[in-house]
Amino acid sequence: MELINTLTQKLTTKRLTLSDVNDVQALCVSCTDFSMLVDGVAPSEDAGLKILSDLPKGKKAEDKYVFGVYREHDLIAIIDLIKDYPTQDTWMLGLLMIHPDDRKQGLGHACSQSVERYVKDLGGTSIKIGVVQNNTIAKAFWEKAGYRVEGTFTYDTITDSQTAYSMSKAI
């Protein structure tokens, strides 16, 4: 996956593997605000490993695509995709997490456009996402990108239950 580099800094993108777990964990720690919003707690010691390896029931490792966006040697964003989930030709964007210092600079937009091109190039016809209900900034971002709310769902965190929007976009 390549980002259209309309941004001023030089970025590279690569598919991440378990050997990148330390980079992913460091980004998780830098994005504690996101973890608090979504999970109600700071990132766990194995948050990076979970991002790289967790799969929904019925999916295999080859269905998971985790990409990292780097500025030089620093991981500044993660994109987590699941192919053909929850249905054939629909991809789940499970995570787009950007380092706090790199937010509101166009990186999220560039990532979302790159994801859409990538999924479409591999035969996908739609993308689904979940957005925590109290993350109004993210909801507005995804709506501006053309995603529409399909409904809501509830999920359990360590501390309580959260409600999230199920959103999707045909590509």
C-alpha atoms as a PDB file:
ATOM      1  CA  MET A   1       0.000   0.000   0.000  1.00  0.00           C
ATOM      2  CA  GLU A   2       1.407   3.364  -0.925  1.00  0.00           C
ATOM      3  CA  LEU A   3       0.264   6.731   0.324  1.00  0.00           C
ATOM      4  CA  ILE A   4      -0.165   9.510  -2.159  1.00  0.00           C
ATOM      5  CA  ASN A   5       2.353  11.817  -0.615  1.00  0.00           C
ATOM      6  CA  THR A   6       0.537  15.128  -0.674  1.00  0.00           C
ATOM      7  CA  LEU A   7       2.067  15.753   2.706  1.00  0.00           C
ATOM      8  CA  THR A   8       5.246  17.738   3.159  1.00  0.00           C
ATOM      9  CA  GLN A   9       7.165  15.023   4.998  1.00  0.00           C
ATOM     10  CA  LYS A  10       8.549  11.930   3.311  1.00  0.00           C
ATOM     11  CA  LEU A  11       6.650   8.823   4.422  1.00  0.00           C
ATOM     12  CA  THR A  12       7.007   5.127   3.696  1.00  0.00           C
ATOM     13  CA  THR A  13       4.443   2.393   4.157  1.00  0.00           C
ATOM     14  CA  LYS A  14       5.107  -1.285   4.764  1.00  0.00           C
ATOM     15  CA  ARG A  15       3.157  -4.357   5.737  1.00  0.00           C
ATOM     16  CA  LEU A  16       3.907  -5.132   9.365  1.00  0.00           C
ATOM     17  CA  THR A  17       4.830  -8.507  10.818  1.00  0.00           C
ATOM     18  CA  LEU A  18       5.371  -9.839  14.324  1.00  0.00           C
ATOM     19  CA  SER A  19       8.982  -8.624  14.068  1.00  0.00           C
ATOM     20  CA  ASP A  20       7.579  -5.058  14.212  1.00  0.00           C
ATOM     21  CA  VAL A  21       5.849  -5.588  17.562  1.00  0.00           C
ATOM     22  CA  ASN A  22       8.116  -3.165  19.440  1.00  0.00           C
ATOM     23  CA  ASP A  23       7.330  -0.333  17.002  1.00  0.00           C
ATOM     24  CA  VAL A  24       3.605  -1.084  17.260  1.00  0.00           C
ATOM     25  CA  GLN A  25       3.723  -1.224  21.066  1.00  0.00           C
ATOM     26  CA  ALA A  26       5.570   2.113  21.203  1.00  0.00           C
ATOM     27  CA  LEU A  27       2.879   3.718  19.018  1.00  0.00           C
ATOM     28  CA  CYS A  28       0.155   2.247  21.237  1.00  0.00           C
ATOM     29  CA  VAL A  29       1.782   3.836  24.282  1.00  0.00           C
ATOM     30  CA  SER A  30       2.057   7.177  22.444  1.00  0.00           C
ATOM     31  CA  CYS A  31      -1.655   6.908  21.622  1.00  0.00           C
ATOM     32  CA  THR A  32      -2.828   6.294  25.190  1.00  0.00           C
ATOM     33  CA  ASP A  33      -5.557   8.910  24.628  1.00  0.00           C
ATOM     34  CA  PHE A  34      -7.055   6.673  21.930  1.00  0.00           C
ATOM     35  CA  SER A  35      -6.868   3.583  24.144  1.00  0.00           C
ATOM     36  CA  MET A  36      -8.566   5.446  26.991  1.00  0.00           C
ATOM     37  CA  LEU A  37     -11.355   6.577  24.668  1.00  0.00           C
ATOM     38  CA  VAL A  38     -11.951   3.161  23.094  1.00  0.00           C
ATOM     39  CA  ASP A  39     -11.084   0.741  25.906  1.00  0.00           C
ATOM     40  CA  GLY A  40     -11.299   2.889  29.022  1.00  0.00           C
ATOM     41  CA  VAL A  41      -7.741   1.971  30.069  1.00  0.00           C
ATOM     42  CA  ALA A  42      -4.156   2.600  29.010  1.00  0.00           C
ATOM     43  CA  PRO A  43      -2.773   0.164  26.420  1.00  0.00           C
ATOM     44  CA  SER A  44      -1.816  -3.242  27.794  1.00  0.00           C
ATOM     45  CA  GLU A  45       1.739  -4.576  27.641  1.00  0.00           C
ATOM     46  CA  ASP A  46       0.669  -6.795  24.744  1.00  0.00           C
ATOM     47  CA  ALA A  47      -1.438  -4.239  22.834  1.00  0.00           C
ATOM     48  CA  GLY A  48       1.019  -4.231  19.926  1.00  0.00           C
ATOM     49  CA  LEU A  49       0.968  -8.016  19.686  1.00  0.00           C
ATOM     50  CA  LYS A  50      -2.834  -8.022  19.723  1.00  0.00           C
ATOM     51  CA  ILE A  51      -2.990  -5.517  16.854  1.00  0.00           C
ATOM     52  CA  LEU A  52      -0.652  -7.687  14.803  1.00  0.00           C
ATOM     53  CA  SER A  53      -2.294 -11.027  15.560  1.00  0.00           C
ATOM     54  CA  ASP A  54      -5.931 -10.778  16.749  1.00  0.00           C
ATOM     55  CA  LEU A  55      -8.497 -12.053  14.268  1.00  0.00           C
ATOM     56  CA  PRO A  56     -12.271 -12.327  14.251  1.00  0.00           C
ATOM     57  CA  LYS A  57     -13.735 -15.814  14.559  1.00  0.00           C
ATOM     58  CA  GLY A  58     -13.466 -17.727  11.302  1.00  0.00           C
ATOM     59  CA  LYS A  59     -10.670 -15.614   9.813  1.00  0.00           C
ATOM     60  CA  LYS A  60      -7.106 -16.757   9.117  1.00  0.00           C
ATOM     61  CA  ALA A  61      -3.772 -14.943   9.303  1.00  0.00           C
ATOM     62  CA  GLU A  62      -3.712 -14.484   5.523  1.00  0.00           C
ATOM     63  CA  ASP A  63      -6.930 -12.417   5.799  1.00  0.00           C
ATOM     64  CA  LYS A  64      -5.223  -9.837   8.036  1.00  0.00           C
ATOM     65  CA  TYR A  65      -3.305  -6.886   6.601  1.00  0.00           C
ATOM     66  CA  VAL A  66      -1.563  -4.560   9.040  1.00  0.00           C
ATOM     67  CA  PHE A  67       0.349  -1.646   7.546  1.00  0.00           C
ATOM     68  CA  GLY A  68       2.656   0.820   9.208  1.00  0.00           C
ATOM     69  CA  VAL A  69       3.326   4.362   8.076  1.00  0.00           C
ATOM     70  CA  TYR A  70       6.848   5.478   8.885  1.00  0.00           C
ATOM     71  CA  ARG A  71       8.631   8.792   8.878  1.00  0.00           C
ATOM     72  CA  GLU A  72      12.241   7.705   8.576  1.00  0.00           C
ATOM     73  CA  HIS A  73      12.482   5.037  11.313  1.00  0.00           C
ATOM     74  CA  ASP A  74       9.494   6.176  13.391  1.00  0.00           C
ATOM     75  CA  LEU A  75       6.146   4.390  13.134  1.00  0.00           C
ATOM     76  CA  ILE A  76       3.544   7.175  13.076  1.00  0.00           C
ATOM     77  CA  ALA A  77       0.390   5.327  11.992  1.00  0.00           C
ATOM     78  CA  ILE A  78      -1.124   1.845  11.844  1.00  0.00           C
ATOM     79  CA  ILE A  79      -3.795   0.547   9.483  1.00  0.00           C
ATOM     80  CA  ASP A  80      -5.426  -2.802  10.347  1.00  0.00           C
ATOM     81  CA  LEU A  81      -7.585  -4.483   7.692  1.00  0.00           C
ATOM     82  CA  ILE A  82      -9.458  -7.794   7.570  1.00  0.00           C
ATOM     83  CA  LYS A  83     -10.319  -9.142   4.116  1.00  0.00           C
ATOM     84  CA  ASP A  84     -13.820 -10.480   3.391  1.00  0.00           C
ATOM     85  CA  TYR A  85     -15.182  -9.595   6.806  1.00  0.00           C
ATOM     86  CA  PRO A  86     -17.925  -9.675   7.810  1.00  0.00           C
ATOM     87  CA  THR A  87     -18.991 -10.735   4.296  1.00  0.00           C
ATOM     88  CA  GLN A  88     -17.329 -11.596   0.996  1.00  0.00           C
ATOM     89  CA  ASP A  89     -15.831  -8.515  -0.776  1.00  0.00           C
ATOM     90  CA  THR A  90     -16.294  -6.340   2.331  1.00  0.00           C
ATOM     91  CA  TRP A  91     -13.175  -5.402   4.245  1.00  0.00           C
ATOM     92  CA  MET A  92     -13.141  -4.360   7.898  1.00  0.00           C
ATOM     93  CA  LEU A  93     -10.934  -1.424   8.785  1.00  0.00           C
ATOM     94  CA  GLY A  94     -10.341  -2.426  12.377  1.00  0.00           C
ATOM     95  CA  LEU A  95      -7.931   0.351  13.240  1.00  0.00           C
ATOM     96  CA  LEU A  96      -6.487   3.566  11.910  1.00  0.00           C
ATOM     97  CA  MET A  97      -4.302   4.915  14.702  1.00  0.00           C
ATOM     98  CA  ILE A  98      -2.120   7.989  14.210  1.00  0.00           C
ATOM     99  CA  HIS A  99       0.510   9.366  16.567  1.00  0.00           C
ATOM    100  CA  PRO A 100      -0.841  12.490  18.341  1.00  0.00           C
ATOM    101  CA  ASP A 101       1.924  14.683  16.870  1.00  0.00           C
ATOM    102  CA  ASP A 102       0.853  13.699  13.348  1.00  0.00           C
ATOM    103  CA  ARG A 103      -2.899  14.195  13.628  1.00  0.00           C
ATOM    104  CA  LYS A 104      -4.784  16.985  11.834  1.00  0.00           C
ATOM    105  CA  GLN A 105      -2.144  17.239   9.103  1.00  0.00           C
ATOM    106  CA  GLY A 106      -3.831  15.259   6.348  1.00  0.00           C
ATOM    107  CA  LEU A 107      -2.346  11.867   7.196  1.00  0.00           C
ATOM    108  CA  GLY A 108      -5.704  10.334   8.163  1.00  0.00           C
ATOM    109  CA  HIS A 109      -7.223  11.457   4.872  1.00  0.00           C
ATOM    110  CA  ALA A 110      -4.255  10.099   2.904  1.00  0.00           C
ATOM    111  CA  CYS A 111      -4.488   6.779   4.773  1.00  0.00           C
ATOM    112  CA  SER A 112      -8.238   6.429   4.215  1.00  0.00           C
ATOM    113  CA  GLN A 113      -7.850   7.106   0.487  1.00  0.00           C
ATOM    114  CA  SER A 114      -4.978   4.624   0.258  1.00  0.00           C
ATOM    115  CA  VAL A 115      -7.046   1.982   2.039  1.00  0.00           C
ATOM    116  CA  GLU A 116      -9.909   2.489  -0.401  1.00  0.00           C
ATOM    117  CA  ARG A 117      -7.600   2.132  -3.430  1.00  0.00           C
ATOM    118  CA  TYR A 118      -5.891  -0.914  -1.950  1.00  0.00           C
ATOM    119  CA  VAL A 119      -9.127  -2.706  -1.090  1.00  0.00           C
ATOM    120  CA  LYS A 120     -10.618  -1.906  -4.494  1.00  0.00           C
ATOM    121  CA  ASP A 121      -7.473  -3.149  -6.277  1.00  0.00           C
ATOM    122  CA  LEU A 122      -7.848  -6.473  -4.427  1.00  0.00           C
ATOM    123  CA  GLY A 123     -11.502  -6.858  -5.443  1.00  0.00           C
ATOM    124  CA  GLY A 124     -13.209  -5.388  -2.401  1.00  0.00           C
ATOM    125  CA  THR A 125     -16.467  -3.518  -2.933  1.00  0.00           C
ATOM    126  CA  SER A 126     -17.023  -1.954   0.480  1.00  0.00           C
ATOM    127  CA  ILE A 127     -15.305  -1.093   3.752  1.00  0.00           C
ATOM    128  CA  LYS A 128     -16.814  -1.303   7.235  1.00  0.00           C
ATOM    129  CA  ILE A 129     -15.591   0.453  10.351  1.00  0.00           C
ATOM    130  CA  GLY A 130     -16.647   0.795  13.964  1.00  0.00           C
ATOM    131  CA  VAL A 131     -16.450   4.198  15.644  1.00  0.00           C
ATOM    132  CA  VAL A 132     -16.917   4.616  19.384  1.00  0.00           C
ATOM    133  CA  GLN A 133     -19.983   6.784  19.964  1.00  0.00           C
ATOM    134  CA  ASN A 134     -18.173   9.270  22.203  1.00  0.00           C
ATOM    135  CA  ASN A 135     -15.418   9.789  19.596  1.00  0.00           C
ATOM    136  CA  THR A 136     -17.225  12.605  17.818  1.00  0.00           C
ATOM    137  CA  ILE A 137     -14.074  13.765  16.016  1.00  0.00           C
ATOM    138  CA  ALA A 138     -13.597  10.335  14.430  1.00  0.00           C
ATOM    139  CA  LYS A 139     -17.265  10.063  13.481  1.00  0.00           C
ATOM    140  CA  ALA A 140     -17.131  13.444  11.733  1.00  0.00           C
ATOM    141  CA  PHE A 141     -13.873  12.444   9.987  1.00  0.00           C
ATOM    142  CA  TRP A 142     -15.347   9.227   8.606  1.00  0.00           C
ATOM    143  CA  GLU A 143     -18.614  10.882   7.583  1.00  0.00           C
ATOM    144  CA  LYS A 144     -16.628  13.506   5.659  1.00  0.00           C
ATOM    145  CA  ALA A 145     -14.792  10.629   3.958  1.00  0.00           C
ATOM    146  CA  GLY A 146     -18.136   9.252   2.750  1.00  0.00           C
ATOM    147  CA  TYR A 147     -18.896   6.599   5.365  1.00  0.00           C
ATOM    148  CA  ARG A 148     -22.493   6.270   6.524  1.00  0.00           C
ATOM    149  CA  VAL A 149     -23.856   5.040   9.847  1.00  0.00           C
ATOM    150  CA  GLU A 150     -25.644   1.697   9.495  1.00  0.00           C
ATOM    151  CA  GLY A 151     -26.478   1.223  13.157  1.00  0.00           C
ATOM    152  CA  THR A 152     -24.927   0.831  16.578  1.00  0.00           C
ATOM    153  CA  PHE A 153     -23.514  -2.027  18.609  1.00  0.00           C
ATOM    154  CA  THR A 154     -22.274  -2.492  22.154  1.00  0.00           C
ATOM    155  CA  TYR A 155     -18.987  -4.035  23.203  1.00  0.00           C
ATOM    156  CA  ASP A 156     -17.429  -4.760  26.583  1.00  0.00           C
ATOM    157  CA  THR A 157     -14.212  -3.142  27.760  1.00  0.00           C
ATOM    158  CA  ILE A 158     -12.205  -3.921  30.890  1.00  0.00           C
ATOM    159  CA  THR A 159     -14.039  -1.195  32.808  1.00  0.00           C
ATOM    160  CA  ASP A 160     -17.530  -0.995  31.245  1.00  0.00           C
ATOM    161  CA  SER A 161     -19.544  -1.270  28.044  1.00  0.00           C
ATOM    162  CA  GLN A 162     -19.208   1.082  25.096  1.00  0.00           C
ATOM    163  CA  THR A 163     -21.552   1.868  22.240  1.00  0.00           C
ATOM    164  CA  ALA A 164     -20.114   2.253  18.778  1.00  0.00           C
ATOM    165  CA  TYR A 165     -21.408   3.160  15.338  1.00  0.00           C
ATOM    166  CA  SER A 166     -21.213   0.604  12.552  1.00  0.00           C
ATOM    167  CA  MET A 167     -20.292   2.585   9.438  1.00  0.00           C
ATOM    168  CA  SER A 168     -19.624   1.573   5.841  1.00  0.00           C
ATOM    169  CA  LYS A 169     -18.726   2.886   2.435  1.00  0.00           C
ATOM    170  CA  ALA A 170     -19.137   1.355  -0.997  1.00  0.00           C
ATOM    171  CA  ILE A 171     -15.981   1.755  -3.104  1.00  0.00           C
END
